[in-house]
Amino acid sequence: MTYARFLGLFVVVPILFLAWRYRRTFTARSLAPMGLLLIVVYAATSPWDNLAVKWGLWGFDPERIWGIKLGYLPLEEYLFFGLQTLLVGLWARARLARVLAPDAQAPRPAAEAGERRDGALTAREVAP
């Protein structure tokens, strides 16, 4: 399997699914922190990965990459850094959407929350 096919199947497809599934949740403002995270990821991983390839700790099969290299790394490796960070960031943002929503922090009246005022459990609270 080529590196590009791996990226497509296991990173890009999940990113597209998350982007479609949570399209109403994601906004430019909510995703802005990922820009800073991407800068940190590239700054932290590029030097060490380049040195590891230079020193022969690991390498990339020339038949499985596009052949475009930046330093000692193929372009696909840089794409992996960014796309994997984006995938994890989108997933985390989607999972935290309810917690980060402004109305999630405000206490709701019992009647609005579907609770009974006498303290008994409702069918919704009992059902699995």
N, C-alpha and C. Protein backbone atom coordinates (compact mmCIF):
# COMPACT_ATOMS: atom_id res chain seq x y z
N MET A 1 0.85 -1.17 0.00
CA MET A 1 0.00 0.00 0.00
C MET A 1 0.90 1.24 0.00
N THR A 2 0.56 2.18 -0.84
CA THR A 2 1.34 3.42 -0.88
C THR A 2 0.99 4.29 0.32
N TYR A 3 1.88 5.19 0.63
CA TYR A 3 1.66 6.11 1.74
C TYR A 3 0.43 6.98 1.44
N ALA A 4 0.28 7.41 0.19
CA ALA A 4 -0.87 8.24 -0.18
C ALA A 4 -2.18 7.48 0.00
N ARG A 5 -2.21 6.20 -0.37
CA ARG A 5 -3.44 5.41 -0.19
C ARG A 5 -3.75 5.24 1.29
N PHE A 6 -2.72 5.00 2.09
CA PHE A 6 -2.91 4.90 3.54
C PHE A 6 -3.54 6.19 4.08
N LEU A 7 -2.97 7.32 3.69
CA LEU A 7 -3.51 8.61 4.15
C LEU A 7 -4.96 8.77 3.72
N GLY A 8 -5.24 8.43 2.48
CA GLY A 8 -6.60 8.58 1.98
C GLY A 8 -7.60 7.73 2.74
N LEU A 9 -7.28 6.46 2.92
CA LEU A 9 -8.22 5.54 3.57
C LEU A 9 -8.38 5.77 5.07
N PHE A 10 -7.27 5.96 5.74
CA PHE A 10 -7.31 5.95 7.20
C PHE A 10 -7.25 7.32 7.86
N VAL A 11 -7.03 8.36 7.08
CA VAL A 11 -6.98 9.69 7.66
C VAL A 11 -7.96 10.64 6.95
N VAL A 12 -7.89 10.72 5.64
CA VAL A 12 -8.75 11.66 4.91
C VAL A 12 -10.22 11.24 4.97
N VAL A 13 -10.52 9.96 4.77
CA VAL A 13 -11.92 9.52 4.83
C VAL A 13 -12.54 9.82 6.20
N PRO A 14 -11.87 9.49 7.32
CA PRO A 14 -12.45 9.87 8.61
C PRO A 14 -12.60 11.38 8.80
N ILE A 15 -11.66 12.17 8.27
CA ILE A 15 -11.78 13.63 8.36
C ILE A 15 -13.02 14.10 7.62
N LEU A 16 -13.23 13.57 6.42
CA LEU A 16 -14.41 13.96 5.63
C LEU A 16 -15.69 13.55 6.34
N PHE A 17 -15.70 12.37 6.95
CA PHE A 17 -16.88 11.93 7.69
C PHE A 17 -17.16 12.87 8.87
N LEU A 18 -16.14 13.18 9.65
CA LEU A 18 -16.33 14.09 10.78
C LEU A 18 -16.79 15.47 10.33
N ALA A 19 -16.19 15.96 9.26
CA ALA A 19 -16.58 17.29 8.75
C ALA A 19 -18.03 17.29 8.30
N TRP A 20 -18.47 16.21 7.67
CA TRP A 20 -19.87 16.12 7.24
C TRP A 20 -20.79 15.93 8.44
N ARG A 21 -20.45 15.01 9.33
CA ARG A 21 -21.31 14.67 10.46
C ARG A 21 -21.52 15.86 11.40
N TYR A 22 -20.48 16.64 11.63
CA TYR A 22 -20.55 17.75 12.58
C TYR A 22 -20.49 19.10 11.88
N ARG A 23 -20.98 19.16 10.65
CA ARG A 23 -20.90 20.40 9.87
C ARG A 23 -21.59 21.58 10.54
N ARG A 24 -22.59 21.33 11.35
CA ARG A 24 -23.28 22.43 12.04
C ARG A 24 -22.55 22.85 13.31
N THR A 25 -21.70 21.98 13.80
CA THR A 25 -20.97 22.24 15.04
C THR A 25 -19.69 23.02 14.78
N PHE A 26 -18.99 22.68 13.70
CA PHE A 26 -17.70 23.30 13.41
C PHE A 26 -17.88 24.68 12.81
N THR A 27 -17.18 25.64 13.38
CA THR A 27 -17.15 26.99 12.82
C THR A 27 -15.68 27.40 12.73
N ALA A 28 -15.42 28.44 11.97
CA ALA A 28 -14.04 28.91 11.85
C ALA A 28 -13.48 29.27 13.23
N ARG A 29 -14.32 29.86 14.05
CA ARG A 29 -13.86 30.25 15.39
C ARG A 29 -13.57 29.04 16.27
N SER A 30 -14.41 28.02 16.18
CA SER A 30 -14.20 26.84 17.02
C SER A 30 -12.99 26.02 16.58
N LEU A 31 -12.62 26.14 15.31
CA LEU A 31 -11.49 25.37 14.80
C LEU A 31 -10.18 26.15 14.79
N ALA A 32 -10.24 27.44 15.08
CA ALA A 32 -9.04 28.29 15.03
C ALA A 32 -7.89 27.77 15.89
N PRO A 33 -8.14 27.25 17.09
CA PRO A 33 -7.01 26.76 17.90
C PRO A 33 -6.20 25.66 17.22
N MET A 34 -6.80 24.95 16.28
CA MET A 34 -6.05 23.91 15.59
C MET A 34 -4.93 24.48 14.73
N GLY A 35 -5.07 25.72 14.29
CA GLY A 35 -3.99 26.35 13.53
C GLY A 35 -2.72 26.44 14.36
N LEU A 36 -2.86 26.87 15.60
CA LEU A 36 -1.72 26.93 16.51
C LEU A 36 -1.17 25.53 16.79
N LEU A 37 -2.07 24.60 16.99
CA LEU A 37 -1.65 23.22 17.24
C LEU A 37 -0.86 22.66 16.06
N LEU A 38 -1.28 22.96 14.84
CA LEU A 38 -0.55 22.50 13.66
C LEU A 38 0.87 23.06 13.62
N ILE A 39 1.01 24.32 13.97
CA ILE A 39 2.34 24.93 14.01
C ILE A 39 3.23 24.20 15.02
N VAL A 40 2.69 23.92 16.18
CA VAL A 40 3.44 23.21 17.21
C VAL A 40 3.82 21.81 16.73
N VAL A 41 2.87 21.12 16.12
CA VAL A 41 3.13 19.75 15.64
C VAL A 41 4.25 19.74 14.61
N TYR A 42 4.17 20.62 13.62
CA TYR A 42 5.22 20.65 12.59
C TYR A 42 6.57 21.05 13.18
N ALA A 43 6.57 22.01 14.08
CA ALA A 43 7.83 22.46 14.69
C ALA A 43 8.45 21.36 15.55
N ALA A 44 7.62 20.56 16.20
CA ALA A 44 8.12 19.53 17.09
C ALA A 44 8.51 18.25 16.37
N THR A 45 7.80 17.88 15.33
CA THR A 45 8.04 16.58 14.69
C THR A 45 9.03 16.63 13.53
N SER A 46 9.03 17.70 12.78
CA SER A 46 9.87 17.75 11.58
C SER A 46 11.36 17.56 11.86
N PRO A 47 11.94 18.28 12.81
CA PRO A 47 13.39 18.10 13.04
C PRO A 47 13.75 16.67 13.44
N TRP A 48 12.98 16.10 14.37
CA TRP A 48 13.32 14.77 14.87
C TRP A 48 13.11 13.70 13.81
N ASP A 49 12.05 13.81 13.06
CA ASP A 49 11.78 12.84 12.00
C ASP A 49 12.84 12.93 10.91
N ASN A 50 13.23 14.14 10.53
CA ASN A 50 14.29 14.32 9.54
C ASN A 50 15.60 13.70 10.02
N LEU A 51 15.95 13.95 11.26
CA LEU A 51 17.19 13.38 11.80
C LEU A 51 17.13 11.85 11.86
N ALA A 52 16.00 11.30 12.25
CA ALA A 52 15.86 9.85 12.33
C ALA A 52 16.05 9.20 10.96
N VAL A 53 15.50 9.81 9.92
CA VAL A 53 15.68 9.27 8.57
C VAL A 53 17.13 9.46 8.12
N LYS A 54 17.70 10.62 8.40
CA LYS A 54 19.10 10.88 8.02
C LYS A 54 20.04 9.87 8.67
N TRP A 55 19.81 9.55 9.94
CA TRP A 55 20.66 8.63 10.67
C TRP A 55 20.34 7.16 10.40
N GLY A 56 19.31 6.90 9.59
CA GLY A 56 18.98 5.53 9.23
C GLY A 56 18.14 4.77 10.23
N LEU A 57 17.51 5.46 11.16
CA LEU A 57 16.65 4.77 12.13
C LEU A 57 15.41 4.20 11.46
N TRP A 58 14.90 4.88 10.46
CA TRP A 58 13.83 4.36 9.60
C TRP A 58 13.89 5.10 8.28
N GLY A 59 13.13 4.60 7.34
CA GLY A 59 13.13 5.21 6.02
C GLY A 59 11.81 4.98 5.31
N PHE A 60 11.77 5.35 4.05
CA PHE A 60 10.56 5.26 3.26
C PHE A 60 10.89 4.59 1.94
N ASP A 61 10.14 3.56 1.59
CA ASP A 61 10.34 2.83 0.34
C ASP A 61 10.04 3.77 -0.83
N PRO A 62 11.02 4.02 -1.69
CA PRO A 62 10.82 4.96 -2.80
C PRO A 62 9.67 4.56 -3.73
N GLU A 63 9.33 3.28 -3.77
CA GLU A 63 8.23 2.83 -4.63
C GLU A 63 6.86 3.10 -4.02
N ARG A 64 6.83 3.48 -2.76
CA ARG A 64 5.54 3.69 -2.07
C ARG A 64 5.27 5.15 -1.73
N ILE A 65 6.13 6.03 -2.21
CA ILE A 65 5.92 7.47 -1.98
C ILE A 65 5.91 8.19 -3.32
N TRP A 66 5.47 9.44 -3.31
CA TRP A 66 5.41 10.23 -4.54
C TRP A 66 6.78 10.62 -5.06
N GLY A 67 7.77 10.68 -4.21
CA GLY A 67 9.11 11.06 -4.62
C GLY A 67 9.46 12.51 -4.33
N ILE A 68 8.50 13.28 -3.86
CA ILE A 68 8.75 14.68 -3.50
C ILE A 68 9.23 14.69 -2.05
N LYS A 69 10.42 15.23 -1.83
CA LYS A 69 10.97 15.25 -0.47
C LYS A 69 11.26 16.68 -0.04
N LEU A 70 11.02 16.92 1.23
CA LEU A 70 11.38 18.18 1.88
C LEU A 70 12.37 17.79 2.97
N GLY A 71 13.62 18.10 2.76
CA GLY A 71 14.65 17.59 3.65
C GLY A 71 14.81 16.10 3.36
N TYR A 72 14.74 15.29 4.39
CA TYR A 72 14.86 13.84 4.22
C TYR A 72 13.50 13.15 4.19
N LEU A 73 12.43 13.92 4.37
CA LEU A 73 11.10 13.33 4.49
C LEU A 73 10.28 13.49 3.21
N PRO A 74 9.50 12.46 2.88
CA PRO A 74 8.60 12.61 1.74
C PRO A 74 7.44 13.54 2.10
N LEU A 75 6.86 14.12 1.09
CA LEU A 75 5.72 15.03 1.28
C LEU A 75 4.60 14.35 2.06
N GLU A 76 4.39 13.06 1.82
CA GLU A 76 3.32 12.34 2.51
C GLU A 76 3.50 12.35 4.03
N GLU A 77 4.75 12.35 4.49
CA GLU A 77 4.99 12.38 5.94
C GLU A 77 4.54 13.71 6.53
N TYR A 78 4.81 14.78 5.83
CA TYR A 78 4.34 16.09 6.29
C TYR A 78 2.81 16.16 6.25
N LEU A 79 2.23 15.58 5.21
CA LEU A 79 0.76 15.53 5.15
C LEU A 79 0.21 14.73 6.32
N PHE A 80 0.89 13.64 6.66
CA PHE A 80 0.45 12.83 7.80
C PHE A 80 0.45 13.65 9.08
N PHE A 81 1.53 14.41 9.32
CA PHE A 81 1.58 15.25 10.53
C PHE A 81 0.35 16.13 10.63
N GLY A 82 0.05 16.84 9.56
CA GLY A 82 -1.05 17.79 9.57
C GLY A 82 -2.41 17.13 9.57
N LEU A 83 -2.59 16.12 8.72
CA LEU A 83 -3.90 15.48 8.62
C LEU A 83 -4.25 14.71 9.89
N GLN A 84 -3.27 14.04 10.48
CA GLN A 84 -3.54 13.31 11.72
C GLN A 84 -3.90 14.28 12.85
N THR A 85 -3.21 15.39 12.91
CA THR A 85 -3.54 16.42 13.90
C THR A 85 -4.94 16.95 13.66
N LEU A 86 -5.29 17.19 12.41
CA LEU A 86 -6.63 17.65 12.07
C LEU A 86 -7.69 16.62 12.45
N LEU A 87 -7.42 15.35 12.18
CA LEU A 87 -8.37 14.29 12.51
C LEU A 87 -8.63 14.24 14.02
N VAL A 88 -7.57 14.23 14.80
CA VAL A 88 -7.74 14.17 16.25
C VAL A 88 -8.39 15.45 16.77
N GLY A 89 -8.01 16.60 16.21
CA GLY A 89 -8.61 17.87 16.62
C GLY A 89 -10.09 17.94 16.31
N LEU A 90 -10.49 17.48 15.13
CA LEU A 90 -11.91 17.47 14.77
C LEU A 90 -12.69 16.53 15.68
N TRP A 91 -12.12 15.36 15.92
CA TRP A 91 -12.80 14.40 16.78
C TRP A 91 -12.97 14.96 18.19
N ALA A 92 -11.90 15.53 18.73
CA ALA A 92 -11.96 16.09 20.08
C ALA A 92 -12.96 17.25 20.14
N ARG A 93 -12.94 18.11 19.13
CA ARG A 93 -13.87 19.25 19.10
C ARG A 93 -15.31 18.77 19.02
N ALA A 94 -15.55 17.73 18.24
CA ALA A 94 -16.91 17.19 18.14
C ALA A 94 -17.36 16.59 19.47
N ARG A 95 -16.47 15.89 20.14
CA ARG A 95 -16.82 15.27 21.42
C ARG A 95 -17.05 16.32 22.50
N LEU A 96 -16.33 17.42 22.42
CA LEU A 96 -16.45 18.46 23.44
C LEU A 96 -17.53 19.49 23.12
N ALA A 97 -18.18 19.36 21.98
CA ALA A 97 -19.14 20.38 21.54
C ALA A 97 -20.22 20.63 22.59
N ARG A 98 -20.74 19.58 23.18
CA ARG A 98 -21.81 19.76 24.18
C ARG A 98 -21.29 20.43 25.44
N VAL A 99 -20.10 20.05 25.84
CA VAL A 99 -19.52 20.61 27.06
C VAL A 99 -19.20 22.08 26.88
N LEU A 100 -18.72 22.43 25.68
CA LEU A 100 -18.31 23.80 25.42
C LEU A 100 -19.46 24.73 25.03
N ALA A 101 -20.63 24.17 24.76
CA ALA A 101 -21.77 24.99 24.37
C ALA A 101 -22.17 25.89 25.54
N PRO A 102 -22.48 27.17 25.28
CA PRO A 102 -22.83 28.10 26.36
C PRO A 102 -24.02 27.62 27.19
N ASP A 103 -25.03 27.05 26.57
CA ASP A 103 -26.21 26.63 27.32
C ASP A 103 -25.97 25.34 28.09
N ALA A 104 -24.87 24.63 27.82
CA ALA A 104 -24.59 23.40 28.56
C ALA A 104 -24.17 23.71 29.99
N GLN A 105 -23.65 24.90 30.24
CA GLN A 105 -23.18 25.26 31.56
C GLN A 105 -24.30 25.78 32.46
N ALA A 106 -25.34 26.31 31.85
CA ALA A 106 -26.42 26.91 32.63
C ALA A 106 -27.35 25.83 33.17
N PRO A 107 -27.70 25.91 34.45
CA PRO A 107 -28.66 24.95 35.00
C PRO A 107 -30.04 25.17 34.39
N ARG A 108 -30.74 24.07 34.12
CA ARG A 108 -32.07 24.17 33.52
C ARG A 108 -33.13 23.88 34.58
N PRO A 109 -34.27 24.52 34.47
CA PRO A 109 -35.37 24.18 35.38
C PRO A 109 -35.76 22.72 35.20
N ALA A 110 -36.25 22.10 36.26
CA ALA A 110 -36.59 20.68 36.23
C ALA A 110 -37.59 20.35 35.13
N ALA A 111 -38.62 21.16 34.98
CA ALA A 111 -39.65 20.88 33.98
C ALA A 111 -39.08 20.94 32.57
N GLU A 112 -38.17 21.87 32.33
CA GLU A 112 -37.57 22.01 31.00
C GLU A 112 -36.64 20.84 30.70
N ALA A 113 -35.99 20.31 31.71
CA ALA A 113 -35.05 19.21 31.53
C ALA A 113 -35.76 17.87 31.42
N GLY A 114 -37.07 17.83 31.52
CA GLY A 114 -37.81 16.58 31.42
C GLY A 114 -37.86 15.82 32.73
N GLU A 115 -37.57 16.48 33.83
CA GLU A 115 -37.57 15.84 35.13
C GLU A 115 -38.89 16.12 35.84
N ARG A 116 -39.24 15.24 36.71
CA ARG A 116 -40.45 15.46 37.51
C ARG A 116 -40.10 16.32 38.71
N ARG A 117 -41.02 17.14 39.10
CA ARG A 117 -40.78 18.05 40.23
C ARG A 117 -40.80 17.33 41.58
N ASP A 118 -41.43 16.15 41.64
CA ASP A 118 -41.50 15.45 42.92
C ASP A 118 -40.27 14.59 43.20
N GLY A 119 -39.27 14.63 42.31
CA GLY A 119 -38.03 13.90 42.54
C GLY A 119 -38.03 12.49 41.97
N ALA A 120 -39.16 11.99 41.49
CA ALA A 120 -39.21 10.64 40.91
C ALA A 120 -38.52 10.64 39.55
N LEU A 121 -38.00 9.50 39.17
CA LEU A 121 -37.35 9.37 37.87
C LEU A 121 -38.38 9.29 36.75
N THR A 122 -38.04 9.87 35.61
CA THR A 122 -38.91 9.76 34.44
C THR A 122 -38.52 8.52 33.65
N ALA A 123 -39.36 8.13 32.70
CA ALA A 123 -39.08 6.96 31.86
C ALA A 123 -37.78 7.15 31.09
N ARG A 124 -37.50 8.35 30.65
CA ARG A 124 -36.27 8.63 29.90
C ARG A 124 -35.03 8.39 30.76
N GLU A 125 -35.12 8.71 32.05
CA GLU A 125 -33.97 8.54 32.93
C GLU A 125 -33.74 7.08 33.30
N VAL A 126 -34.80 6.28 33.29
CA VAL A 126 -34.69 4.88 33.67
C VAL A 126 -34.27 4.02 32.49
N ALA A 127 -34.74 4.35 31.30
CA ALA A 127 -34.45 3.54 30.11
C ALA A 127 -32.96 3.56 29.80
N PRO A 128 -32.42 2.43 29.33
CA PRO A 128 -30.98 2.36 29.01
C PRO A 128 -30.63 3.17 27.79
